[in-house]
PDB file of N, CA and C in Angstrom:
ATOM      1  N   MET A   1     132.547 214.674 111.407  1.00  0.00           N
ATOM      2  CA  MET A   1     131.389 215.258 110.768  1.00  0.00           C
ATOM      3  C   MET A   1     130.219 214.281 110.881  1.00  0.00           C
ATOM      4  N   GLU A   2     129.036 214.820 111.054  1.00  0.00           N
ATOM      5  CA  GLU A   2     127.820 214.020 111.150  1.00  0.00           C
ATOM      6  C   GLU A   2     126.740 214.722 110.330  1.00  0.00           C
ATOM      7  N   ASN A   3     125.922 213.984 109.650  1.00  0.00           N
ATOM      8  CA  ASN A   3     124.839 214.556 108.853  1.00  0.00           C
ATOM      9  C   ASN A   3     123.511 213.977 109.307  1.00  0.00           C
ATOM     10  N   TYR A   4     122.453 214.764 109.171  1.00  0.00           N
ATOM     11  CA  TYR A   4     121.113 214.211 109.295  1.00  0.00           C
ATOM     12  C   TYR A   4     120.234 214.833 108.237  1.00  0.00           C
ATOM     13  N   PHE A   5     119.221 214.078 107.847  1.00  0.00           N
ATOM     14  CA  PHE A   5     118.385 214.433 106.714  1.00  0.00           C
ATOM     15  C   PHE A   5     116.923 214.421 107.128  1.00  0.00           C
ATOM     16  N   TRP A   6     116.087 215.128 106.379  1.00  0.00           N
ATOM     17  CA  TRP A   6     114.642 215.064 106.602  1.00  0.00           C
ATOM     18  C   TRP A   6     113.924 215.301 105.295  1.00  0.00           C
ATOM     19  N   ASN A   7     112.690 214.853 105.282  1.00  0.00           N
ATOM     20  CA  ASN A   7     111.810 215.106 104.148  1.00  0.00           C
ATOM     21  C   ASN A   7     110.425 215.375 104.731  1.00  0.00           C
ATOM     22  N   THR A   8     109.994 216.598 104.678  1.00  0.00           N
ATOM     23  CA  THR A   8     108.713 216.972 105.280  1.00  0.00           C
ATOM     24  C   THR A   8     107.537 216.406 104.503  1.00  0.00           C
ATOM     25  N   GLU A   9     107.781 215.908 103.302  1.00  0.00           N
ATOM     26  CA  GLU A   9     106.697 215.398 102.471  1.00  0.00           C
ATOM     27  C   GLU A   9     106.443 213.912 102.673  1.00  0.00           C
ATOM     28  N   GLU A  10     107.275 213.210 103.441  1.00  0.00           N
ATOM     29  CA  GLU A  10     107.122 211.770 103.642  1.00  0.00           C
ATOM     30  C   GLU A  10     106.145 211.419 104.750  1.00  0.00           C
ATOM     31  N   VAL A  11     105.777 212.357 105.589  1.00  0.00           N
ATOM     32  CA  VAL A  11     104.895 212.066 106.712  1.00  0.00           C
ATOM     33  C   VAL A  11     103.451 212.358 106.325  1.00  0.00           C
ATOM     34  N   LYS A  12     102.521 211.647 106.982  1.00  0.00           N
ATOM     35  CA  LYS A  12     101.102 211.822 106.668  1.00  0.00           C
ATOM     36  C   LYS A  12     100.616 213.218 107.025  1.00  0.00           C
ATOM     37  N   GLU A  13     100.934 213.666 108.229  1.00  0.00           N
ATOM     38  CA  GLU A  13     100.538 215.008 108.656  1.00  0.00           C
ATOM     39  C   GLU A  13     101.575 215.997 108.133  1.00  0.00           C
ATOM     40  N   LYS A  14     101.121 217.086 107.558  1.00  0.00           N
ATOM     41  CA  LYS A  14     102.036 218.099 107.005  1.00  0.00           C
ATOM     42  C   LYS A  14     102.915 218.643 108.128  1.00  0.00           C
ATOM     43  N   LYS A  15     104.221 218.490 107.971  1.00  0.00           N
ATOM     44  CA  LYS A  15     105.168 218.977 108.975  1.00  0.00           C
ATOM     45  C   LYS A  15     106.161 219.924 108.330  1.00  0.00           C
ATOM     46  N   VAL A  16     106.737 220.759 109.164  1.00  0.00           N
ATOM     47  CA  VAL A  16     107.768 221.686 108.712  1.00  0.00           C
ATOM     48  C   VAL A  16     108.979 221.556 109.621  1.00  0.00           C
ATOM     49  N   TYR A  17     110.132 221.778 109.051  1.00  0.00           N
ATOM     50  CA  TYR A  17     111.365 221.830 109.814  1.00  0.00           C
ATOM     51  C   TYR A  17     111.632 223.312 110.047  1.00  0.00           C
ATOM     52  N   ILE A  18     111.902 223.690 111.289  1.00  0.00           N
ATOM     53  CA  ILE A  18     112.191 225.101 111.566  1.00  0.00           C
ATOM     54  C   ILE A  18     113.513 225.241 112.302  1.00  0.00           C
ATOM     55  N   LEU A  19     114.149 226.354 112.037  1.00  0.00           N
ATOM     56  CA  LEU A  19     115.337 226.780 112.753  1.00  0.00           C
ATOM     57  C   LEU A  19     114.997 228.133 113.357  1.00  0.00           C
ATOM     58  N   VAL A  20     115.123 228.244 114.669  1.00  0.00           N
ATOM     59  CA  VAL A  20     114.822 229.487 115.376  1.00  0.00           C
ATOM     60  C   VAL A  20     116.114 229.993 115.998  1.00  0.00           C
ATOM     61  N   ILE A  21     116.514 231.204 115.614  1.00  0.00           N
ATOM     62  CA  ILE A  21     117.689 231.826 116.221  1.00  0.00           C
ATOM     63  C   ILE A  21     117.251 233.143 116.846  1.00  0.00           C
ATOM     64  N   TYR A  22     117.879 233.499 117.949  1.00  0.00           N
ATOM     65  CA  TYR A  22     117.413 234.681 118.657  1.00  0.00           C
ATOM     66  C   TYR A  22     118.549 235.411 119.360  1.00  0.00           C
ATOM     67  N   ASP A  23     118.319 236.704 119.549  1.00  0.00           N
ATOM     68  CA  ASP A  23     119.201 237.577 120.314  1.00  0.00           C
ATOM     69  C   ASP A  23     118.278 238.379 121.216  1.00  0.00           C
ATOM     70  N   ILE A  24     118.165 237.944 122.460  1.00  0.00           N
ATOM     71  CA  ILE A  24     117.250 238.567 123.417  1.00  0.00           C
ATOM     72  C   ILE A  24     118.076 239.207 124.527  1.00  0.00           C
ATOM     73  N   VAL A  25     117.903 240.506 124.723  1.00  0.00           N
ATOM     74  CA  VAL A  25     118.743 241.298 125.621  1.00  0.00           C
ATOM     75  C   VAL A  25     118.532 240.925 127.091  1.00  0.00           C
ATOM     76  N   SER A  26     117.306 240.864 127.536  1.00  0.00           N
ATOM     77  CA  SER A  26     116.988 240.610 128.939  1.00  0.00           C
ATOM     78  C   SER A  26     117.194 239.142 129.300  1.00  0.00           C
ATOM     79  N   ASN A  27     117.929 238.889 130.386  1.00  0.00           N
ATOM     80  CA  ASN A  27     118.130 237.512 130.847  1.00  0.00           C
ATOM     81  C   ASN A  27     116.799 236.828 131.136  1.00  0.00           C
ATOM     82  N   LYS A  28     115.888 237.542 131.788  1.00  0.00           N
ATOM     83  CA  LYS A  28     114.586 236.976 132.155  1.00  0.00           C
ATOM     84  C   LYS A  28     113.804 236.568 130.901  1.00  0.00           C
ATOM     85  N   ARG A  29     113.739 237.440 129.907  1.00  0.00           N
ATOM     86  CA  ARG A  29     113.024 237.114 128.662  1.00  0.00           C
ATOM     87  C   ARG A  29     113.732 235.993 127.905  1.00  0.00           C
ATOM     88  N   ARG A  30     115.072 236.016 127.902  1.00  0.00           N
ATOM     89  CA  ARG A  30     115.843 235.002 127.185  1.00  0.00           C
ATOM     90  C   ARG A  30     115.616 233.609 127.787  1.00  0.00           C
ATOM     91  N   VAL A  31     115.636 233.516 129.106  1.00  0.00           N
ATOM     92  CA  VAL A  31     115.400 232.230 129.772  1.00  0.00           C
ATOM     93  C   VAL A  31     113.978 231.745 129.517  1.00  0.00           C
ATOM     94  N   ALA A  32     113.013 232.647 129.607  1.00  0.00           N
ATOM     95  CA  ALA A  32     111.615 232.281 129.349  1.00  0.00           C
ATOM     96  C   ALA A  32     111.429 231.819 127.906  1.00  0.00           C
ATOM     97  N   PHE A  33     112.087 232.494 126.963  1.00  0.00           N
ATOM     98  CA  PHE A  33     111.974 232.119 125.557  1.00  0.00           C
ATOM     99  C   PHE A  33     112.595 230.743 125.320  1.00  0.00           C
ATOM    100  N   ALA A  34     113.745 230.483 125.914  1.00  0.00           N
ATOM    101  CA  ALA A  34     114.402 229.184 125.751  1.00  0.00           C
ATOM    102  C   ALA A  34     113.531 228.067 126.326  1.00  0.00           C
ATOM    103  N   LYS A  35     112.885 228.311 127.459  1.00  0.00           N
ATOM    104  CA  LYS A  35     111.975 227.306 128.032  1.00  0.00           C
ATOM    105  C   LYS A  35     110.808 227.038 127.090  1.00  0.00           C
ATOM    106  N   LYS A  36     110.259 228.086 126.510  1.00  0.00           N
ATOM    107  CA  LYS A  36     109.163 227.926 125.544  1.00  0.00           C
ATOM    108  C   LYS A  36     109.641 227.102 124.349  1.00  0.00           C
ATOM    109  N   MET A  37     110.826 227.398 123.845  1.00  0.00           N
ATOM    110  CA  MET A  37     111.336 226.681 122.682  1.00  0.00           C
ATOM    111  C   MET A  37     111.613 225.212 122.991  1.00  0.00           C
ATOM    112  N   ASN A  38     111.979 224.894 124.224  1.00  0.00           N
ATOM    113  CA  ASN A  38     112.178 223.493 124.603  1.00  0.00           C
ATOM    114  C   ASN A  38     110.900 222.688 124.425  1.00  0.00           C
ATOM    115  N   GLY A  39     109.759 223.347 124.498  1.00  0.00           N
ATOM    116  CA  GLY A  39     108.485 222.666 124.287  1.00  0.00           C
ATOM    117  C   GLY A  39     108.201 222.384 122.818  1.00  0.00           C
ATOM    118  N   TYR A  40     108.968 222.988 121.935  1.00  0.00           N
ATOM    119  CA  TYR A  40     108.759 222.813 120.500  1.00  0.00           C
ATOM    120  C   TYR A  40     109.833 221.955 119.841  1.00  0.00           C
ATOM    121  N   GLY A  41     111.074 222.115 120.282  1.00  0.00           N
ATOM    122  CA  GLY A  41     112.172 221.423 119.618  1.00  0.00           C
ATOM    123  C   GLY A  41     113.342 221.233 120.557  1.00  0.00           C
ATOM    124  N   PHE A  42     114.542 221.236 120.009  1.00  0.00           N
ATOM    125  CA  PHE A  42     115.726 221.003 120.819  1.00  0.00           C
ATOM    126  C   PHE A  42     116.786 222.057 120.514  1.00  0.00           C
ATOM    127  N   ARG A  43     117.550 222.382 121.554  1.00  0.00           N
ATOM    128  CA  ARG A  43     118.589 223.399 121.426  1.00  0.00           C
ATOM    129  C   ARG A  43     119.787 222.809 120.702  1.00  0.00           C
ATOM    130  N   VAL A  44     120.268 223.526 119.693  1.00  0.00           N
ATOM    131  CA  VAL A  44     121.448 223.072 118.964  1.00  0.00           C
ATOM    132  C   VAL A  44     122.648 223.975 119.209  1.00  0.00           C
ATOM    133  N   GLN A  45     122.403 225.194 119.649  1.00  0.00           N
ATOM    134  CA  GLN A  45     123.440 226.112 120.097  1.00  0.00           C
ATOM    135  C   GLN A  45     122.818 226.999 121.163  1.00  0.00           C
ATOM    136  N   LYS A  46     123.606 227.868 121.783  1.00  0.00           N
ATOM    137  CA  LYS A  46     123.087 228.672 122.886  1.00  0.00           C
ATOM    138  C   LYS A  46     121.863 229.486 122.518  1.00  0.00           C
ATOM    139  N   SER A  47     121.785 230.005 121.331  1.00  0.00           N
ATOM    140  CA  SER A  47     120.635 230.813 120.910  1.00  0.00           C
ATOM    141  C   SER A  47     120.010 230.277 119.629  1.00  0.00           C
ATOM    142  N   ALA A  48     119.969 228.944 119.499  1.00  0.00           N
ATOM    143  CA  ALA A  48     119.403 228.331 118.296  1.00  0.00           C
ATOM    144  C   ALA A  48     118.686 227.031 118.646  1.00  0.00           C
ATOM    145  N   PHE A  49     117.471 226.897 118.120  1.00  0.00           N
ATOM    146  CA  PHE A  49     116.678 225.684 118.296  1.00  0.00           C
ATOM    147  C   PHE A  49     116.261 225.155 116.944  1.00  0.00           C
ATOM    148  N   GLU A  50     116.143 223.841 116.844  1.00  0.00           N
ATOM    149  CA  GLU A  50     115.597 223.182 115.669  1.00  0.00           C
ATOM    150  C   GLU A  50     114.368 222.401 116.095  1.00  0.00           C
ATOM    151  N   ALA A  51     113.408 222.276 115.187  1.00  0.00           N
ATOM    152  CA  ALA A  51     112.208 221.491 115.483  1.00  0.00           C
ATOM    153  C   ALA A  51     111.618 220.948 114.195  1.00  0.00           C
ATOM    154  N   PHE A  52     110.978 219.801 114.292  1.00  0.00           N
ATOM    155  CA  PHE A  52     110.237 219.192 113.191  1.00  0.00           C
ATOM    156  C   PHE A  52     108.808 219.080 113.705  1.00  0.00           C
ATOM    157  N   ILE A  53     107.964 220.051 113.343  1.00  0.00           N
ATOM    158  CA  ILE A  53     106.652 220.183 113.957  1.00  0.00           C
ATOM    159  C   ILE A  53     105.537 220.269 112.915  1.00  0.00           C
ATOM    160  N   SER A  54     104.313 220.085 113.401  1.00  0.00           N
ATOM    161  CA  SER A  54     103.163 220.181 112.505  1.00  0.00           C
ATOM    162  C   SER A  54     102.953 221.630 112.075  1.00  0.00           C
ATOM    163  N   GLU A  55     102.228 221.786 110.991  1.00  0.00           N
ATOM    164  CA  GLU A  55     101.906 223.123 110.480  1.00  0.00           C
ATOM    165  C   GLU A  55     101.122 223.921 111.520  1.00  0.00           C
ATOM    166  N   ASN A  56     100.200 223.266 112.237  1.00  0.00           N
ATOM    167  CA  ASN A  56      99.414 223.949 113.271  1.00  0.00           C
ATOM    168  C   ASN A  56     100.294 224.434 114.418  1.00  0.00           C
ATOM    169  N   LEU A  57     101.228 223.599 114.849  1.00  0.00           N
ATOM    170  CA  LEU A  57     102.137 223.988 115.933  1.00  0.00           C
ATOM    171  C   LEU A  57     103.038 225.129 115.486  1.00  0.00           C
ATOM    172  N   TYR A  58     103.437 225.115 114.224  1.00  0.00           N
ATOM    173  CA  TYR A  58     104.247 226.204 113.670  1.00  0.00           C
ATOM    174  C   TYR A  58     103.483 227.528 113.749  1.00  0.00           C
ATOM    175  N   ARG A  59     102.224 227.518 113.326  1.00  0.00           N
ATOM    176  CA  ARG A  59     101.423 228.748 113.373  1.00  0.00           C
ATOM    177  C   ARG A  59     101.237 229.228 114.812  1.00  0.00           C
ATOM    178  N   LYS A  60     101.066 228.288 115.744  1.00  0.00           N
ATOM    179  CA  LYS A  60     100.932 228.642 117.161  1.00  0.00           C
ATOM    180  C   LYS A  60     102.210 229.323 117.672  1.00  0.00           C
ATOM    181  N   LEU A  61     103.358 228.762 117.330  1.00  0.00           N
ATOM    182  CA  LEU A  61     104.640 229.348 117.744  1.00  0.00           C
ATOM    183  C   LEU A  61     104.803 230.758 117.184  1.00  0.00           C
ATOM    184  N   ILE A  62     104.511 230.930 115.894  1.00  0.00           N
ATOM    185  CA  ILE A  62     104.646 232.244 115.256  1.00  0.00           C
ATOM    186  C   ILE A  62     103.747 233.272 115.950  1.00  0.00           C
ATOM    187  N   ALA A  63     102.569 232.860 116.387  1.00  0.00           N
ATOM    188  CA  ALA A  63     101.654 233.776 117.079  1.00  0.00           C
ATOM    189  C   ALA A  63     102.147 234.111 118.485  1.00  0.00           C
ATOM    190  N   GLU A  64     102.865 233.192 119.139  1.00  0.00           N
ATOM    191  CA  GLU A  64     103.325 233.398 120.518  1.00  0.00           C
ATOM    192  C   GLU A  64     104.595 234.238 120.620  1.00  0.00           C
ATOM    193  N   ILE A  65     105.444 234.197 119.629  1.00  0.00           N
ATOM    194  CA  ILE A  65     106.750 234.862 119.717  1.00  0.00           C
ATOM    195  C   ILE A  65     106.646 236.352 120.030  1.00  0.00           C
ATOM    196  N   PRO A  66     105.773 237.131 119.375  1.00  0.00           N
ATOM    197  CA  PRO A  66     105.735 238.569 119.675  1.00  0.00           C
ATOM    198  C   PRO A  66     105.431 238.892 121.149  1.00  0.00           C
ATOM    199  N   GLN A  67     104.693 238.015 121.842  1.00  0.00           N
ATOM    200  CA  GLN A  67     104.395 238.255 123.253  1.00  0.00           C
ATOM    201  C   GLN A  67     105.581 237.926 124.164  1.00  0.00           C
ATOM    202  N   CYS A  68     106.567 237.225 123.644  1.00  0.00           N
ATOM    203  CA  CYS A  68     107.708 236.782 124.453  1.00  0.00           C
ATOM    204  C   CYS A  68     108.896 237.734 124.403  1.00  0.00           C
ATOM    205  N   ILE A  69     108.875 238.680 123.492  1.00  0.00           N
ATOM    206  CA  ILE A  69     110.054 239.532 123.298  1.00  0.00           C
ATOM    207  C   ILE A  69     109.686 241.007 123.390  1.00  0.00           C
ATOM    208  N   CYS A  70     110.710 241.826 123.500  1.00  0.00           N
ATOM    209  CA  CYS A  70     110.547 243.275 123.415  1.00  0.00           C
ATOM    210  C   CYS A  70     110.867 243.662 121.967  1.00  0.00           C
ATOM    211  N   GLN A  71     109.884 244.173 121.270  1.00  0.00           N
ATOM    212  CA  GLN A  71     110.042 244.489 119.848  1.00  0.00           C
ATOM    213  C   GLN A  71     111.156 245.508 119.580  1.00  0.00           C
ATOM    214  N   ASP A  72     111.469 246.360 120.574  1.00  0.00           N
ATOM    215  CA  ASP A  72     112.482 247.406 120.391  1.00  0.00           C
ATOM    216  C   ASP A  72     113.911 246.947 120.701  1.00  0.00           C
ATOM    217  N   GLU A  73     114.063 245.817 121.413  1.00  0.00           N
ATOM    218  CA  GLU A  73     115.396 245.383 121.832  1.00  0.00           C
ATOM    219  C   GLU A  73     115.810 244.010 121.316  1.00  0.00           C
ATOM    220  N   ASP A  74     114.860 243.131 121.090  1.00  0.00           N
ATOM    221  CA  ASP A  74     115.157 241.732 120.801  1.00  0.00           C
ATOM    222  C   ASP A  74     114.974 241.398 119.325  1.00  0.00           C
ATOM    223  N   SER A  75     115.586 240.293 118.934  1.00  0.00           N
ATOM    224  CA  SER A  75     115.471 239.818 117.560  1.00  0.00           C
ATOM    225  C   SER A  75     115.283 238.301 117.571  1.00  0.00           C
ATOM    226  N   VAL A  76     114.281 237.822 116.831  1.00  0.00           N
ATOM    227  CA  VAL A  76     114.049 236.390 116.667  1.00  0.00           C
ATOM    228  C   VAL A  76     113.848 236.131 115.181  1.00  0.00           C
ATOM    229  N   ARG A  77     114.549 235.129 114.661  1.00  0.00           N
ATOM    230  CA  ARG A  77     114.382 234.720 113.268  1.00  0.00           C
ATOM    231  C   ARG A  77     113.909 233.274 113.257  1.00  0.00           C
ATOM    232  N   VAL A  78     112.856 233.009 112.471  1.00  0.00           N
ATOM    233  CA  VAL A  78     112.332 231.655 112.327  1.00  0.00           C
ATOM    234  C   VAL A  78     112.450 231.278 110.853  1.00  0.00           C
ATOM    235  N   TYR A  79     113.268 230.278 110.577  1.00  0.00           N
ATOM    236  CA  TYR A  79     113.429 229.778 109.215  1.00  0.00           C
ATOM    237  C   TYR A  79     112.548 228.543 109.069  1.00  0.00           C
ATOM    238  N   ARG A  80     111.602 228.586 108.145  1.00  0.00           N
ATOM    239  CA  ARG A  80     110.680 227.484 107.874  1.00  0.00           C
ATOM    240  C   ARG A  80     111.174 226.778 106.620  1.00  0.00           C
ATOM    241  N   ILE A  81     111.476 225.481 106.767  1.00  0.00           N
ATOM    242  CA  ILE A  81     112.071 224.731 105.665  1.00  0.00           C
ATOM    243  C   ILE A  81     111.189 223.521 105.378  1.00  0.00           C
ATOM    244  N   THR A  82     110.724 223.421 104.148  1.00  0.00           N
ATOM    245  CA  THR A  82     109.899 222.274 103.764  1.00  0.00           C
ATOM    246  C   THR A  82     110.599 221.490 102.657  1.00  0.00           C
ATOM    247  N   GLY A  83     110.142 220.278 102.436  1.00  0.00           N
ATOM    248  CA  GLY A  83     110.745 219.427 101.421  1.00  0.00           C
ATOM    249  C   GLY A  83     111.929 218.663 101.978  1.00  0.00           C
ATOM    250  N   TYR A  84     112.918 218.427 101.140  1.00  0.00           N
ATOM    251  CA  TYR A  84     114.101 217.679 101.552  1.00  0.00           C
ATOM    252  C   TYR A  84     115.112 218.622 102.187  1.00  0.00           C
ATOM    253  N   GLY A  85     115.829 218.115 103.181  1.00  0.00           N
ATOM    254  CA  GLY A  85     116.849 218.935 103.809  1.00  0.00           C
ATOM    255  C   GLY A  85     117.978 218.091 104.368  1.00  0.00           C
ATOM    256  N   GLU A  86     119.087 218.727 104.581  1.00  0.00           N
ATOM    257  CA  GLU A  86     120.259 218.072 105.142  1.00  0.00           C
ATOM    258  C   GLU A  86     120.995 219.071 106.012  1.00  0.00           C
ATOM    259  N   VAL A  87     121.485 218.599 107.147  1.00  0.00           N
ATOM    260  CA  VAL A  87     122.307 219.417 108.030  1.00  0.00           C
ATOM    261  C   VAL A  87     123.631 218.694 108.226  1.00  0.00           C
ATOM    262  N   SER A  88     124.726 219.387 108.049  1.00  0.00           N
ATOM    263  CA  SER A  88     126.056 218.833 108.302  1.00  0.00           C
ATOM    264  C   SER A  88     126.570 219.434 109.601  1.00  0.00           C
ATOM    265  N   LEU A  89     126.961 218.585 110.519  1.00  0.00           N
ATOM    266  CA  LEU A  89     127.432 219.032 111.829  1.00  0.00           C
ATOM    267  C   LEU A  89     128.944 218.848 111.915  1.00  0.00           C
ATOM    268  N   PHE A  90     129.631 219.856 112.427  1.00  0.00           N
ATOM    269  CA  PHE A  90     131.073 219.809 112.607  1.00  0.00           C
ATOM    270  C   PHE A  90     131.371 220.161 114.058  1.00  0.00           C
ATOM    271  N   GLY A  91     132.345 219.512 114.652  1.00  0.00           N
ATOM    272  CA  GLY A  91     132.720 219.835 116.025  1.00  0.00           C
ATOM    273  C   GLY A  91     131.761 219.227 117.033  1.00  0.00           C
ATOM    274  N   VAL A  92     131.684 219.833 118.193  1.00  0.00           N
ATOM    275  CA  VAL A  92     130.867 219.328 119.288  1.00  0.00           C
ATOM    276  C   VAL A  92     129.404 219.584 118.999  1.00  0.00           C
ATOM    277  N   SER A  93     128.584 218.553 119.125  1.00  0.00           N
ATOM    278  CA  SER A  93     127.148 218.719 118.921  1.00  0.00           C
ATOM    279  C   SER A  93     126.408 217.625 119.661  1.00  0.00           C
ATOM    280  N   GLU A  94     125.171 217.934 120.026  1.00  0.00           N
ATOM    281  CA  GLU A  94     124.309 216.953 120.660  1.00  0.00           C
ATOM    282  C   GLU A  94     123.885 215.925 119.621  1.00  0.00           C
ATOM    283  N   SER A  95     123.671 214.710 120.073  1.00  0.00           N
ATOM    284  CA  SER A  95     123.178 213.678 119.171  1.00  0.00           C
ATOM    285  C   SER A  95     121.733 213.986 118.803  1.00  0.00           C
ATOM    286  N   ILE A  96     121.435 213.978 117.522  1.00  0.00           N
ATOM    287  CA  ILE A  96     120.094 214.271 117.038  1.00  0.00           C
ATOM    288  C   ILE A  96     119.396 212.943 116.770  1.00  0.00           C
ATOM    289  N   GLU A  97     118.285 212.723 117.437  1.00  0.00           N
ATOM    290  CA  GLU A  97     117.515 211.499 117.251  1.00  0.00           C
ATOM    291  C   GLU A  97     116.259 211.816 116.465  1.00  0.00           C
ATOM    292  N   ASN A  98     115.825 210.887 115.638  1.00  0.00           N
ATOM    293  CA  ASN A  98     114.572 211.040 114.917  1.00  0.00           C
ATOM    294  C   ASN A  98     113.439 210.958 115.924  1.00  0.00           C
ATOM    295  N   GLU A  99     112.593 211.982 115.970  1.00  0.00           N
ATOM    296  CA  GLU A  99     111.533 212.051 116.961  1.00  0.00           C
ATOM    297  C   GLU A  99     110.269 211.320 116.535  1.00  0.00           C
ATOM    298  N   GLU A 100     110.253 210.769 115.349  1.00  0.00           N
ATOM    299  CA  GLU A 100     109.070 210.098 114.850  1.00  0.00           C
ATOM    300  C   GLU A 100     108.836 208.815 115.633  1.00  0.00           C
ATOM    301  N   VAL A 101     107.591 208.577 116.081  1.00  0.00           N
ATOM    302  CA  VAL A 101     107.240 207.404 116.860  1.00  0.00           C
ATOM    303  C   VAL A 101     106.239 206.571 116.061  1.00  0.00           C
ATOM    304  N   ILE A 102     106.478 205.276 116.007  1.00  0.00           N
ATOM    305  CA  ILE A 102     105.563 204.366 115.334  1.00  0.00           C
ATOM    306  C   ILE A 102     104.975 203.435 116.369  1.00  0.00           C
ATOM    307  N   ILE A 103     103.647 203.402 116.464  1.00  0.00           N
ATOM    308  CA  ILE A 103     102.973 202.526 117.409  1.00  0.00           C
ATOM    309  C   ILE A 103     102.302 201.414 116.623  1.00  0.00           C
ATOM    310  N   ILE A 104     102.594 200.174 116.977  1.00  0.00           N
ATOM    311  CA  ILE A 104     102.015 199.035 116.255  1.00  0.00           C
ATOM    312  C   ILE A 104     100.927 198.384 117.103  1.00  0.00           C
TER     313      ILE A 104
END
């Protein structure tokens, strides 16, 4: 078992933790959506991405999603989590690194 934690209130710029899960019928749309999500966060399962992003980037993503899917066939859920959080990982998982960079 492995755990990682976050606190969206500890950073200077307002950030949110998001979990994006999706069920996209078309292979072409699904691949395009996954490529788009790679620009925001990291894949944690075949149809799930996590990201720790700014509030502005979050709003941009929310505005882009409807253009990436077919409203009649596909489903995308975006969970926006603020404050303190913890994720417990069981089984096979990618190593999660803190993406925060400090320049001195």
